[in-house]
PDB file of N, CA and C in Angstrom:
ATOM      1  N   MET A   1     276.410  58.699 -34.377  1.00  0.00           N
ATOM      2  CA  MET A   1     275.499  58.568 -35.421  1.00  0.00           C
ATOM      3  C   MET A   1     276.094  57.623 -36.517  1.00  0.00           C
ATOM      4  N   LYS A   2     275.300  56.695 -37.031  1.00  0.00           N
ATOM      5  CA  LYS A   2     275.754  55.762 -38.030  1.00  0.00           C
ATOM      6  C   LYS A   2     275.954  56.449 -39.340  1.00  0.00           C
ATOM      7  N   ARG A   3     276.947  56.075 -40.083  1.00  0.00           N
ATOM      8  CA  ARG A   3     277.221  56.630 -41.416  1.00  0.00           C
ATOM      9  C   ARG A   3     276.097  56.253 -42.332  1.00  0.00           C
ATOM     10  N   LYS A   4     275.604  57.288 -43.022  1.00  0.00           N
ATOM     11  CA  LYS A   4     274.542  57.044 -44.049  1.00  0.00           C
ATOM     12  C   LYS A   4     275.211  56.604 -45.363  1.00  0.00           C
ATOM     13  N   GLU A   5     274.598  55.519 -45.929  1.00  0.00           N
ATOM     14  CA  GLU A   5     275.107  55.002 -47.152  1.00  0.00           C
ATOM     15  C   GLU A   5     274.256  55.532 -48.343  1.00  0.00           C
ATOM     16  N   ILE A   6     274.975  56.123 -49.331  1.00  0.00           N
ATOM     17  CA  ILE A   6     274.296  56.695 -50.467  1.00  0.00           C
ATOM     18  C   ILE A   6     274.618  55.913 -51.764  1.00  0.00           C
ATOM     19  N   LEU A   7     273.613  55.626 -52.552  1.00  0.00           N
ATOM     20  CA  LEU A   7     273.741  54.980 -53.867  1.00  0.00           C
ATOM     21  C   LEU A   7     273.499  56.081 -54.941  1.00  0.00           C
ATOM     22  N   ILE A   8     274.481  56.380 -55.747  1.00  0.00           N
ATOM     23  CA  ILE A   8     274.305  57.314 -56.745  1.00  0.00           C
ATOM     24  C   ILE A   8     274.161  56.601 -58.118  1.00  0.00           C
ATOM     25  N   VAL A   9     273.075  56.801 -58.787  1.00  0.00           N
ATOM     26  CA  VAL A   9     272.760  56.108 -60.065  1.00  0.00           C
ATOM     27  C   VAL A   9     272.726  57.100 -61.216  1.00  0.00           C
ATOM     28  N   ASP A  10     273.553  56.795 -62.192  1.00  0.00           N
ATOM     29  CA  ASP A  10     273.665  57.623 -63.426  1.00  0.00           C
ATOM     30  C   ASP A  10     274.372  56.846 -64.484  1.00  0.00           C
ATOM     31  N   GLY A  11     273.946  57.099 -65.668  1.00  0.00           N
ATOM     32  CA  GLY A  11     274.532  56.368 -66.834  1.00  0.00           C
ATOM     33  C   GLY A  11     275.854  56.868 -67.213  1.00  0.00           C
ATOM     34  N   TYR A  12     276.346  57.990 -66.692  1.00  0.00           N
ATOM     35  CA  TYR A  12     277.574  58.622 -67.191  1.00  0.00           C
ATOM     36  C   TYR A  12     278.555  58.660 -65.962  1.00  0.00           C
ATOM     37  N   LYS A  13     279.688  58.006 -66.126  1.00  0.00           N
ATOM     38  CA  LYS A  13     280.647  57.971 -64.986  1.00  0.00           C
ATOM     39  C   LYS A  13     281.132  59.289 -64.570  1.00  0.00           C
ATOM     40  N   THR A  14     281.349  60.249 -65.516  1.00  0.00           N
ATOM     41  CA  THR A  14     281.844  61.567 -65.192  1.00  0.00           C
ATOM     42  C   THR A  14     280.833  62.327 -64.316  1.00  0.00           C
ATOM     43  N   THR A  15     279.557  62.160 -64.582  1.00  0.00           N
ATOM     44  CA  THR A  15     278.434  62.811 -63.877  1.00  0.00           C
ATOM     45  C   THR A  15     278.457  62.255 -62.468  1.00  0.00           C
ATOM     46  N   THR A  16     278.508  60.980 -62.294  1.00  0.00           N
ATOM     47  CA  THR A  16     278.503  60.391 -60.955  1.00  0.00           C
ATOM     48  C   THR A  16     279.676  60.764 -60.083  1.00  0.00           C
ATOM     49  N   GLN A  17     280.824  60.944 -60.709  1.00  0.00           N
ATOM     50  CA  GLN A  17     281.960  61.361 -60.032  1.00  0.00           C
ATOM     51  C   GLN A  17     281.863  62.838 -59.557  1.00  0.00           C
ATOM     52  N   GLU A  18     281.234  63.627 -60.403  1.00  0.00           N
ATOM     53  CA  GLU A  18     280.977  65.058 -60.051  1.00  0.00           C
ATOM     54  C   GLU A  18     280.022  65.079 -58.842  1.00  0.00           C
ATOM     55  N   ILE A  19     278.958  64.261 -58.926  1.00  0.00           N
ATOM     56  CA  ILE A  19     278.008  64.294 -57.801  1.00  0.00           C
ATOM     57  C   ILE A  19     278.682  63.854 -56.481  1.00  0.00           C
ATOM     58  N   THR A  20     279.500  62.797 -56.614  1.00  0.00           N
ATOM     59  CA  THR A  20     280.251  62.370 -55.415  1.00  0.00           C
ATOM     60  C   THR A  20     281.161  63.502 -54.851  1.00  0.00           C
ATOM     61  N   LYS A  21     281.736  64.290 -55.697  1.00  0.00           N
ATOM     62  CA  LYS A  21     282.538  65.399 -55.232  1.00  0.00           C
ATOM     63  C   LYS A  21     281.697  66.473 -54.585  1.00  0.00           C
ATOM     64  N   LEU A  22     280.514  66.636 -54.985  1.00  0.00           N
ATOM     65  CA  LEU A  22     279.539  67.607 -54.462  1.00  0.00           C
ATOM     66  C   LEU A  22     279.150  67.295 -53.019  1.00  0.00           C
ATOM     67  N   ILE A  23     279.166  65.991 -52.634  1.00  0.00           N
ATOM     68  CA  ILE A  23     278.694  65.562 -51.352  1.00  0.00           C
ATOM     69  C   ILE A  23     279.952  65.658 -50.423  1.00  0.00           C
ATOM     70  N   TYR A  24     280.084  66.652 -49.650  1.00  0.00           N
ATOM     71  CA  TYR A  24     281.240  66.896 -48.774  1.00  0.00           C
ATOM     72  C   TYR A  24     281.021  66.559 -47.359  1.00  0.00           C
ATOM     73  N   ASP A  25     279.874  65.902 -47.009  1.00  0.00           N
ATOM     74  CA  ASP A  25     279.608  65.552 -45.683  1.00  0.00           C
ATOM     75  C   ASP A  25     280.295  64.257 -45.361  1.00  0.00           C
ATOM     76  N   THR A  26     281.159  64.267 -44.405  1.00  0.00           N
ATOM     77  CA  THR A  26     281.999  63.092 -44.105  1.00  0.00           C
ATOM     78  C   THR A  26     281.157  61.942 -43.451  1.00  0.00           C
ATOM     79  N   SER A  27     279.975  62.188 -43.030  1.00  0.00           N
ATOM     80  CA  SER A  27     279.141  61.141 -42.353  1.00  0.00           C
ATOM     81  C   SER A  27     278.352  60.378 -43.462  1.00  0.00           C
ATOM     82  N   LEU A  28     278.681  60.683 -44.753  1.00  0.00           N
ATOM     83  CA  LEU A  28     277.969  60.013 -45.836  1.00  0.00           C
ATOM     84  C   LEU A  28     279.041  59.143 -46.643  1.00  0.00           C
ATOM     85  N   GLN A  29     278.640  57.906 -46.913  1.00  0.00           N
ATOM     86  CA  GLN A  29     279.471  57.075 -47.713  1.00  0.00           C
ATOM     87  C   GLN A  29     278.794  56.774 -49.063  1.00  0.00           C
ATOM     88  N   THR A  30     279.465  57.145 -50.108  1.00  0.00           N
ATOM     89  CA  THR A  30     278.847  57.041 -51.415  1.00  0.00           C
ATOM     90  C   THR A  30     279.309  55.804 -52.206  1.00  0.00           C
ATOM     91  N   THR A  31     278.474  55.291 -53.030  1.00  0.00           N
ATOM     92  CA  THR A  31     278.656  54.173 -53.930  1.00  0.00           C
ATOM     93  C   THR A  31     278.110  54.559 -55.254  1.00  0.00           C
ATOM     94  N   ILE A  32     278.786  54.242 -56.315  1.00  0.00           N
ATOM     95  CA  ILE A  32     278.348  54.569 -57.676  1.00  0.00           C
ATOM     96  C   ILE A  32     277.890  53.450 -58.444  1.00  0.00           C
ATOM     97  N   ALA A  33     276.755  53.616 -59.167  1.00  0.00           N
ATOM     98  CA  ALA A  33     276.267  52.583 -60.056  1.00  0.00           C
ATOM     99  C   ALA A  33     276.043  53.324 -61.447  1.00  0.00           C
ATOM    100  N   GLU A  34     276.671  52.737 -62.491  1.00  0.00           N
ATOM    101  CA  GLU A  34     276.561  53.363 -63.768  1.00  0.00           C
ATOM    102  C   GLU A  34     275.391  52.866 -64.629  1.00  0.00           C
ATOM    103  N   THR A  35     274.825  51.666 -64.279  1.00  0.00           N
ATOM    104  CA  THR A  35     273.759  51.198 -65.041  1.00  0.00           C
ATOM    105  C   THR A  35     272.650  50.741 -64.046  1.00  0.00           C
ATOM    106  N   THR A  36     271.393  50.557 -64.633  1.00  0.00           N
ATOM    107  CA  THR A  36     270.306  50.177 -63.788  1.00  0.00           C
ATOM    108  C   THR A  36     270.550  48.776 -63.173  1.00  0.00           C
ATOM    109  N   GLU A  37     271.116  47.822 -63.995  1.00  0.00           N
ATOM    110  CA  GLU A  37     271.375  46.598 -63.416  1.00  0.00           C
ATOM    111  C   GLU A  37     272.405  46.584 -62.357  1.00  0.00           C
ATOM    112  N   GLU A  38     273.431  47.379 -62.532  1.00  0.00           N
ATOM    113  CA  GLU A  38     274.505  47.517 -61.493  1.00  0.00           C
ATOM    114  C   GLU A  38     273.871  48.117 -60.286  1.00  0.00           C
ATOM    115  N   ALA A  39     272.971  49.046 -60.354  1.00  0.00           N
ATOM    116  CA  ALA A  39     272.342  49.692 -59.210  1.00  0.00           C
ATOM    117  C   ALA A  39     271.491  48.604 -58.483  1.00  0.00           C
ATOM    118  N   ILE A  40     270.729  47.854 -59.112  1.00  0.00           N
ATOM    119  CA  ILE A  40     269.961  46.857 -58.532  1.00  0.00           C
ATOM    120  C   ILE A  40     270.846  45.810 -57.809  1.00  0.00           C
ATOM    121  N   GLU A  41     271.906  45.421 -58.441  1.00  0.00           N
ATOM    122  CA  GLU A  41     272.848  44.443 -57.869  1.00  0.00           C
ATOM    123  C   GLU A  41     273.473  45.013 -56.576  1.00  0.00           C
ATOM    124  N   LYS A  42     273.873  46.222 -56.589  1.00  0.00           N
ATOM    125  CA  LYS A  42     274.516  46.832 -55.449  1.00  0.00           C
ATOM    126  C   LYS A  42     273.494  47.084 -54.311  1.00  0.00           C
ATOM    127  N   PHE A  43     272.197  47.397 -54.702  1.00  0.00           N
ATOM    128  CA  PHE A  43     271.157  47.659 -53.729  1.00  0.00           C
ATOM    129  C   PHE A  43     270.929  46.326 -52.969  1.00  0.00           C
ATOM    130  N   TYR A  44     270.855  45.189 -53.668  1.00  0.00           N
ATOM    131  CA  TYR A  44     270.607  43.909 -52.970  1.00  0.00           C
ATOM    132  C   TYR A  44     271.783  43.499 -52.071  1.00  0.00           C
ATOM    133  N   ARG A  45     272.986  43.834 -52.426  1.00  0.00           N
ATOM    134  CA  ARG A  45     274.160  43.462 -51.662  1.00  0.00           C
ATOM    135  C   ARG A  45     274.357  44.367 -50.387  1.00  0.00           C
ATOM    136  N   GLN A  46     273.939  45.594 -50.433  1.00  0.00           N
ATOM    137  CA  GLN A  46     274.238  46.544 -49.410  1.00  0.00           C
ATOM    138  C   GLN A  46     272.972  47.280 -48.980  1.00  0.00           C
ATOM    139  N   ASN A  47     272.929  47.725 -47.778  1.00  0.00           N
ATOM    140  CA  ASN A  47     271.851  48.421 -47.241  1.00  0.00           C
ATOM    141  C   ASN A  47     272.037  49.964 -47.371  1.00  0.00           C
ATOM    142  N   PHE A  48     271.300  50.613 -48.249  1.00  0.00           N
ATOM    143  CA  PHE A  48     271.504  52.026 -48.538  1.00  0.00           C
ATOM    144  C   PHE A  48     270.429  52.815 -47.850  1.00  0.00           C
ATOM    145  N   ASP A  49     270.751  53.969 -47.348  1.00  0.00           N
ATOM    146  CA  ASP A  49     269.798  54.872 -46.771  1.00  0.00           C
ATOM    147  C   ASP A  49     269.219  55.904 -47.741  1.00  0.00           C
ATOM    148  N   ILE A  50     270.060  56.247 -48.784  1.00  0.00           N
ATOM    149  CA  ILE A  50     269.692  57.265 -49.710  1.00  0.00           C
ATOM    150  C   ILE A  50     270.055  56.791 -51.118  1.00  0.00           C
ATOM    151  N   ALA A  51     269.180  57.058 -52.061  1.00  0.00           N
ATOM    152  CA  ALA A  51     269.503  56.857 -53.516  1.00  0.00           C
ATOM    153  C   ALA A  51     269.378  58.206 -54.199  1.00  0.00           C
ATOM    154  N   ILE A  52     270.379  58.548 -54.925  1.00  0.00           N
ATOM    155  CA  ILE A  52     270.376  59.784 -55.719  1.00  0.00           C
ATOM    156  C   ILE A  52     270.304  59.388 -57.229  1.00  0.00           C
ATOM    157  N   PHE A  53     269.271  59.861 -57.892  1.00  0.00           N
ATOM    158  CA  PHE A  53     269.133  59.638 -59.357  1.00  0.00           C
ATOM    159  C   PHE A  53     269.455  60.881 -60.073  1.00  0.00           C
ATOM    160  N   SER A  54     270.364  60.767 -61.011  1.00  0.00           N
ATOM    161  CA  SER A  54     270.762  61.935 -61.860  1.00  0.00           C
ATOM    162  C   SER A  54     269.669  62.163 -62.922  1.00  0.00           C
ATOM    163  N   ASN A  55     269.547  63.358 -63.380  1.00  0.00           N
ATOM    164  CA  ASN A  55     268.667  63.682 -64.471  1.00  0.00           C
ATOM    165  C   ASN A  55     269.017  62.921 -65.763  1.00  0.00           C
ATOM    166  N   GLU A  56     270.244  62.470 -65.909  1.00  0.00           N
ATOM    167  CA  GLU A  56     270.653  61.746 -66.963  1.00  0.00           C
ATOM    168  C   GLU A  56     270.099  60.336 -67.075  1.00  0.00           C
ATOM    169  N   LEU A  57     269.551  59.877 -65.923  1.00  0.00           N
ATOM    170  CA  LEU A  57     268.987  58.532 -65.932  1.00  0.00           C
ATOM    171  C   LEU A  57     267.635  58.600 -66.663  1.00  0.00           C
ATOM    172  N   GLY A  58     267.338  57.615 -67.494  1.00  0.00           N
ATOM    173  CA  GLY A  58     266.080  57.659 -68.245  1.00  0.00           C
ATOM    174  C   GLY A  58     264.884  57.506 -67.463  1.00  0.00           C
ATOM    175  N   PHE A  59     263.724  57.930 -67.864  1.00  0.00           N
ATOM    176  CA  PHE A  59     262.450  57.903 -67.164  1.00  0.00           C
ATOM    177  C   PHE A  59     262.048  56.500 -66.814  1.00  0.00           C
ATOM    178  N   GLU A  60     262.158  55.556 -67.745  1.00  0.00           N
ATOM    179  CA  GLU A  60     261.813  54.122 -67.506  1.00  0.00           C
ATOM    180  C   GLU A  60     262.720  53.490 -66.450  1.00  0.00           C
ATOM    181  N   ASP A  61     264.047  53.790 -66.605  1.00  0.00           N
ATOM    182  CA  ASP A  61     264.979  53.261 -65.637  1.00  0.00           C
ATOM    183  C   ASP A  61     264.713  53.752 -64.263  1.00  0.00           C
ATOM    184  N   GLU A  62     264.453  55.027 -64.163  1.00  0.00           N
ATOM    185  CA  GLU A  62     264.168  55.672 -62.859  1.00  0.00           C
ATOM    186  C   GLU A  62     262.933  55.034 -62.244  1.00  0.00           C
ATOM    187  N   LYS A  63     261.960  54.883 -63.050  1.00  0.00           N
ATOM    188  CA  LYS A  63     260.615  54.324 -62.550  1.00  0.00           C
ATOM    189  C   LYS A  63     260.917  52.858 -62.076  1.00  0.00           C
ATOM    190  N   LYS A  64     261.589  52.129 -62.823  1.00  0.00           N
ATOM    191  CA  LYS A  64     261.924  50.723 -62.451  1.00  0.00           C
ATOM    192  C   LYS A  64     262.716  50.685 -61.096  1.00  0.00           C
ATOM    193  N   LEU A  65     263.694  51.522 -60.957  1.00  0.00           N
ATOM    194  CA  LEU A  65     264.523  51.556 -59.747  1.00  0.00           C
ATOM    195  C   LEU A  65     263.741  52.017 -58.537  1.00  0.00           C
ATOM    196  N   ARG A  66     262.939  53.036 -58.738  1.00  0.00           N
ATOM    197  CA  ARG A  66     262.047  53.482 -57.622  1.00  0.00           C
ATOM    198  C   ARG A  66     261.149  52.363 -57.085  1.00  0.00           C
ATOM    199  N   LYS A  67     260.574  51.660 -58.052  1.00  0.00           N
ATOM    200  CA  LYS A  67     259.635  50.583 -57.616  1.00  0.00           C
ATOM    201  C   LYS A  67     260.403  49.479 -56.922  1.00  0.00           C
ATOM    202  N   ILE A  68     261.516  49.037 -57.419  1.00  0.00           N
ATOM    203  CA  ILE A  68     262.274  47.949 -56.735  1.00  0.00           C
ATOM    204  C   ILE A  68     262.833  48.386 -55.421  1.00  0.00           C
ATOM    205  N   PHE A  69     263.401  49.587 -55.378  1.00  0.00           N
ATOM    206  CA  PHE A  69     263.991  50.089 -54.165  1.00  0.00           C
ATOM    207  C   PHE A  69     263.021  50.277 -53.036  1.00  0.00           C
ATOM    208  N   THR A  70     261.922  50.940 -53.349  1.00  0.00           N
ATOM    209  CA  THR A  70     260.926  51.211 -52.381  1.00  0.00           C
ATOM    210  C   THR A  70     260.179  49.941 -51.783  1.00  0.00           C
ATOM    211  N   ILE A  71     260.065  48.931 -52.616  1.00  0.00           N
ATOM    212  CA  ILE A  71     259.507  47.664 -52.188  1.00  0.00           C
ATOM    213  C   ILE A  71     260.501  46.978 -51.180  1.00  0.00           C
ATOM    214  N   GLN A  72     261.797  47.037 -51.496  1.00  0.00           N
ATOM    215  CA  GLN A  72     262.798  46.338 -50.730  1.00  0.00           C
ATOM    216  C   GLN A  72     263.088  47.143 -49.465  1.00  0.00           C
ATOM    217  N   ASN A  73     262.982  48.521 -49.588  1.00  0.00           N
ATOM    218  CA  ASN A  73     263.346  49.334 -48.450  1.00  0.00           C
ATOM    219  C   ASN A  73     262.383  50.561 -48.411  1.00  0.00           C
ATOM    220  N   PRO A  74     261.253  50.402 -47.721  1.00  0.00           N
ATOM    221  CA  PRO A  74     260.294  51.563 -47.670  1.00  0.00           C
ATOM    222  C   PRO A  74     260.801  52.838 -47.109  1.00  0.00           C
ATOM    223  N   ASP A  75     261.877  52.753 -46.228  1.00  0.00           N
ATOM    224  CA  ASP A  75     262.400  53.934 -45.621  1.00  0.00           C
ATOM    225  C   ASP A  75     263.452  54.616 -46.436  1.00  0.00           C
ATOM    226  N   LEU A  76     263.756  54.081 -47.683  1.00  0.00           N
ATOM    227  CA  LEU A  76     264.794  54.681 -48.514  1.00  0.00           C
ATOM    228  C   LEU A  76     264.443  56.095 -48.896  1.00  0.00           C
ATOM    229  N   ILE A  77     265.430  56.947 -48.794  1.00  0.00           N
ATOM    230  CA  ILE A  77     265.218  58.348 -49.272  1.00  0.00           C
ATOM    231  C   ILE A  77     265.706  58.415 -50.727  1.00  0.00           C
ATOM    232  N   ILE A  78     264.869  58.891 -51.606  1.00  0.00           N
ATOM    233  CA  ILE A  78     265.220  59.025 -52.990  1.00  0.00           C
ATOM    234  C   ILE A  78     265.243  60.476 -53.318  1.00  0.00           C
ATOM    235  N   ILE A  79     266.345  60.891 -53.868  1.00  0.00           N
ATOM    236  CA  ILE A  79     266.635  62.336 -54.250  1.00  0.00           C
ATOM    237  C   ILE A  79     266.937  62.394 -55.778  1.00  0.00           C
ATOM    238  N   GLN A  80     266.184  63.322 -56.418  1.00  0.00           N
ATOM    239  CA  GLN A  80     266.414  63.578 -57.838  1.00  0.00           C
ATOM    240  C   GLN A  80     267.451  64.737 -57.949  1.00  0.00           C
ATOM    241  N   HIS A  81     268.533  64.467 -58.647  1.00  0.00           N
ATOM    242  CA  HIS A  81     269.579  65.550 -58.740  1.00  0.00           C
ATOM    243  C   HIS A  81     269.588  66.023 -60.131  1.00  0.00           C
ATOM    244  N   GLY A  82     269.467  67.352 -60.269  1.00  0.00           N
ATOM    245  CA  GLY A  82     269.544  68.019 -61.516  1.00  0.00           C
ATOM    246  C   GLY A  82     270.928  68.579 -61.719  1.00  0.00           C
ATOM    247  N   ASN A  83     270.993  69.815 -62.058  1.00  0.00           N
ATOM    248  CA  ASN A  83     272.295  70.503 -62.214  1.00  0.00           C
ATOM    249  C   ASN A  83     272.559  71.393 -61.138  1.00  0.00           C
ATOM    250  N   GLU A  84     272.069  71.094 -59.897  1.00  0.00           N
ATOM    251  CA  GLU A  84     272.321  71.909 -58.762  1.00  0.00           C
ATOM    252  C   GLU A  84     273.752  71.958 -58.359  1.00  0.00           C
ATOM    253  N   ASP A  85     274.145  72.920 -57.584  1.00  0.00           N
ATOM    254  CA  ASP A  85     275.478  73.042 -57.116  1.00  0.00           C
ATOM    255  C   ASP A  85     275.569  72.097 -55.838  1.00  0.00           C
ATOM    256  N   GLY A  86     276.747  72.031 -55.286  1.00  0.00           N
ATOM    257  CA  GLY A  86     276.981  71.136 -54.101  1.00  0.00           C
ATOM    258  C   GLY A  86     276.223  71.590 -52.903  1.00  0.00           C
ATOM    259  N   ASN A  87     276.078  72.850 -52.665  1.00  0.00           N
ATOM    260  CA  ASN A  87     275.376  73.312 -51.488  1.00  0.00           C
ATOM    261  C   ASN A  87     273.883  72.869 -51.529  1.00  0.00           C
ATOM    262  N   SER A  88     273.217  73.020 -52.682  1.00  0.00           N
ATOM    263  CA  SER A  88     271.814  72.648 -52.748  1.00  0.00           C
ATOM    264  C   SER A  88     271.580  71.152 -52.601  1.00  0.00           C
ATOM    265  N   LEU A  89     272.549  70.382 -53.195  1.00  0.00           N
ATOM    266  CA  LEU A  89     272.469  68.891 -53.071  1.00  0.00           C
ATOM    267  C   LEU A  89     272.681  68.460 -51.627  1.00  0.00           C
ATOM    268  N   ASN A  90     273.642  69.033 -50.989  1.00  0.00           N
ATOM    269  CA  ASN A  90     273.860  68.718 -49.586  1.00  0.00           C
ATOM    270  C   ASN A  90     272.744  69.192 -48.631  1.00  0.00           C
ATOM    271  N   THR A  91     272.123  70.278 -49.020  1.00  0.00           N
ATOM    272  CA  THR A  91     270.882  70.779 -48.322  1.00  0.00           C
ATOM    273  C   THR A  91     269.801  69.774 -48.512  1.00  0.00           C
ATOM    274  N   LYS A  92     269.571  69.304 -49.716  1.00  0.00           N
ATOM    275  CA  LYS A  92     268.489  68.368 -50.004  1.00  0.00           C
ATOM    276  C   LYS A  92     268.680  67.108 -49.168  1.00  0.00           C
ATOM    277  N   ILE A  93     269.933  66.617 -49.123  1.00  0.00           N
ATOM    278  CA  ILE A  93     270.257  65.367 -48.359  1.00  0.00           C
ATOM    279  C   ILE A  93     270.004  65.633 -46.887  1.00  0.00           C
ATOM    280  N   ALA A  94     270.526  66.771 -46.348  1.00  0.00           N
ATOM    281  CA  ALA A  94     270.350  67.028 -44.939  1.00  0.00           C
ATOM    282  C   ALA A  94     268.909  67.170 -44.555  1.00  0.00           C
ATOM    283  N   GLU A  95     268.121  67.863 -45.392  1.00  0.00           N
ATOM    284  CA  GLU A  95     266.664  67.989 -45.105  1.00  0.00           C
ATOM    285  C   GLU A  95     265.905  66.684 -45.064  1.00  0.00           C
ATOM    286  N   ALA A  96     266.267  65.821 -46.084  1.00  0.00           N
ATOM    287  CA  ALA A  96     265.593  64.517 -46.194  1.00  0.00           C
ATOM    288  C   ALA A  96     265.929  63.652 -45.021  1.00  0.00           C
ATOM    289  N   ILE A  97     267.182  63.651 -44.565  1.00  0.00           N
ATOM    290  CA  ILE A  97     267.562  62.833 -43.361  1.00  0.00           C
ATOM    291  C   ILE A  97     266.922  63.409 -42.202  1.00  0.00           C
ATOM    292  N   SER A  98     266.820  64.733 -41.989  1.00  0.00           N
ATOM    293  CA  SER A  98     266.139  65.270 -40.833  1.00  0.00           C
ATOM    294  C   SER A  98     264.762  65.024 -40.798  1.00  0.00           C
ATOM    295  N   LYS A  99     264.072  65.087 -41.920  1.00  0.00           N
ATOM    296  CA  LYS A  99     262.634  64.824 -42.052  1.00  0.00           C
ATOM    297  C   LYS A  99     262.366  63.292 -41.682  1.00  0.00           C
ATOM    298  N   GLN A 100     263.190  62.431 -42.146  1.00  0.00           N
ATOM    299  CA  GLN A 100     263.019  60.987 -41.881  1.00  0.00           C
ATOM    300  C   GLN A 100     263.296  60.734 -40.432  1.00  0.00           C
ATOM    301  N   GLU A 101     264.314  61.320 -39.818  1.00  0.00           N
ATOM    302  CA  GLU A 101     264.507  61.137 -38.324  1.00  0.00           C
ATOM    303  C   GLU A 101     263.344  61.687 -37.546  1.00  0.00           C
ATOM    304  N   LYS A 102     262.814  62.832 -37.919  1.00  0.00           N
ATOM    305  CA  LYS A 102     261.680  63.406 -37.223  1.00  0.00           C
ATOM    306  C   LYS A 102     260.422  62.462 -37.329  1.00  0.00           C
ATOM    307  N   ASN A 103     260.210  61.824 -38.459  1.00  0.00           N
ATOM    308  CA  ASN A 103     259.126  60.921 -38.661  1.00  0.00           C
ATOM    309  C   ASN A 103     259.264  59.588 -37.858  1.00  0.00           C
ATOM    310  N   ARG A 104     260.533  59.282 -37.664  1.00  0.00           N
ATOM    311  CA  ARG A 104     260.852  58.015 -36.872  1.00  0.00           C
ATOM    312  C   ARG A 104     260.717  58.140 -35.389  1.00  0.00           C
ATOM    313  N   ARG A 105     260.731  59.420 -34.877  1.00  0.00           N
ATOM    314  CA  ARG A 105     260.671  59.614 -33.411  1.00  0.00           C
ATOM    315  C   ARG A 105     259.339  59.095 -32.852  1.00  0.00           C
ATOM    316  N   MET A 106     259.433  58.330 -31.771  1.00  0.00           N
ATOM    317  CA  MET A 106     258.260  57.806 -31.175  1.00  0.00           C
ATOM    318  C   MET A 106     257.526  58.889 -30.381  1.00  0.00           C
ATOM    319  N   SER A 107     256.249  58.901 -30.450  1.00  0.00           N
ATOM    320  CA  SER A 107     255.474  59.802 -29.650  1.00  0.00           C
ATOM    321  C   SER A 107     254.372  59.019 -29.052  1.00  0.00           C
ATOM    322  N   ILE A 108     254.111  59.305 -27.733  1.00  0.00           N
ATOM    323  CA  ILE A 108     253.109  58.602 -27.023  1.00  0.00           C
ATOM    324  C   ILE A 108     252.189  59.626 -26.385  1.00  0.00           C
ATOM    325  N   SER A 109     250.896  59.320 -26.525  1.00  0.00           N
ATOM    326  CA  SER A 109     249.864  60.238 -25.941  1.00  0.00           C
ATOM    327  C   SER A 109     248.977  59.375 -25.080  1.00  0.00           C
ATOM    328  N   LEU A 110     248.865  59.724 -23.828  1.00  0.00           N
ATOM    329  CA  LEU A 110     248.079  58.979 -22.862  1.00  0.00           C
ATOM    330  C   LEU A 110     246.972  59.922 -22.271  1.00  0.00           C
ATOM    331  N   VAL A 111     245.818  59.262 -22.075  1.00  0.00           N
ATOM    332  CA  VAL A 111     244.762  60.005 -21.361  1.00  0.00           C
ATOM    333  C   VAL A 111     244.354  59.075 -20.191  1.00  0.00           C
ATOM    334  N   ASP A 112     244.570  59.708 -18.978  1.00  0.00           N
ATOM    335  CA  ASP A 112     244.271  58.976 -17.782  1.00  0.00           C
ATOM    336  C   ASP A 112     242.858  59.320 -17.275  1.00  0.00           C
ATOM    337  N   ASP A 113     241.934  58.385 -17.492  1.00  0.00           N
ATOM    338  CA  ASP A 113     240.577  58.685 -17.032  1.00  0.00           C
ATOM    339  C   ASP A 113     240.152  57.619 -16.043  1.00  0.00           C
ATOM    340  N   ALA A 114     241.058  57.160 -15.211  1.00  0.00           N
ATOM    341  CA  ALA A 114     240.746  56.065 -14.259  1.00  0.00           C
ATOM    342  C   ALA A 114     239.783  56.586 -13.213  1.00  0.00           C
ATOM    343  N   LEU A 115     239.828  57.755 -12.871  1.00  0.00           N
ATOM    344  CA  LEU A 115     238.842  58.310 -11.848  1.00  0.00           C
ATOM    345  C   LEU A 115     237.663  59.012 -12.451  1.00  0.00           C
ATOM    346  N   LYS A 116     237.468  58.925 -13.692  1.00  0.00           N
ATOM    347  CA  LYS A 116     236.382  59.674 -14.363  1.00  0.00           C
ATOM    348  C   LYS A 116     235.097  59.356 -13.822  1.00  0.00           C
ATOM    349  N   ASN A 117     234.738  58.013 -13.641  1.00  0.00           N
ATOM    350  CA  ASN A 117     233.454  57.628 -13.161  1.00  0.00           C
ATOM    351  C   ASN A 117     233.429  57.236 -11.679  1.00  0.00           C
ATOM    352  N   ALA A 118     234.453  57.651 -10.978  1.00  0.00           N
ATOM    353  CA  ALA A 118     234.518  57.205  -9.562  1.00  0.00           C
ATOM    354  C   ALA A 118     233.554  57.952  -8.651  1.00  0.00           C
ATOM    355  N   GLY A 119     233.131  59.065  -9.043  1.00  0.00           N
ATOM    356  CA  GLY A 119     232.201  59.822  -8.254  1.00  0.00           C
ATOM    357  C   GLY A 119     232.872  60.694  -7.210  1.00  0.00           C
ATOM    358  N   LEU A 120     234.116  60.812  -7.326  1.00  0.00           N
ATOM    359  CA  LEU A 120     234.860  61.666  -6.351  1.00  0.00           C
ATOM    360  C   LEU A 120     235.255  62.961  -6.971  1.00  0.00           C
ATOM    361  N   ASN A 121     235.220  64.007  -6.252  1.00  0.00           N
ATOM    362  CA  ASN A 121     235.582  65.339  -6.775  1.00  0.00           C
ATOM    363  C   ASN A 121     237.006  65.637  -6.482  1.00  0.00           C
ATOM    364  N   ILE A 122     237.848  64.912  -7.228  1.00  0.00           N
ATOM    365  CA  ILE A 122     239.262  65.075  -7.012  1.00  0.00           C
ATOM    366  C   ILE A 122     239.816  65.827  -8.282  1.00  0.00           C
ATOM    367  N   ILE A 123     240.571  66.840  -7.963  1.00  0.00           N
ATOM    368  CA  ILE A 123     241.210  67.569  -9.053  1.00  0.00           C
ATOM    369  C   ILE A 123     242.757  67.494  -8.871  1.00  0.00           C
ATOM    370  N   VAL A 124     243.411  66.953  -9.805  1.00  0.00           N
ATOM    371  CA  VAL A 124     244.892  66.852  -9.722  1.00  0.00           C
ATOM    372  C   VAL A 124     245.465  68.037 -10.566  1.00  0.00           C
ATOM    373  N   GLN A 125     246.362  68.757  -9.952  1.00  0.00           N
ATOM    374  CA  GLN A 125     246.965  69.861 -10.704  1.00  0.00           C
ATOM    375  C   GLN A 125     248.445  69.812 -10.673  1.00  0.00           C
TER     376      GLN A 125
END
């Protein structure tokens, strides 16, 4: 499985470092952006699978980032992080990844009615 890239956006360096420590899954690679402009710059340079917005990020900044990020990458998972502990953050990440992978699975449904109007009484079991 490919490593998932996470962009953590928060205006406070100490908070983003705390969030990074909470993510203990080794299949996740984290990148920190302290400002909205830095987040946009890093987002354009690198392909991220997940963006985590801290509650410390302002409403307007979050709205701006959501719009830019989802236009550029409609499959991006965006997670709002409050003051949860590490277990709940990791659970949120795991559930979001699982849901995304489930939605990406291809499903095919076929109806074979080739002999429907043939006039033969054939039953295939």
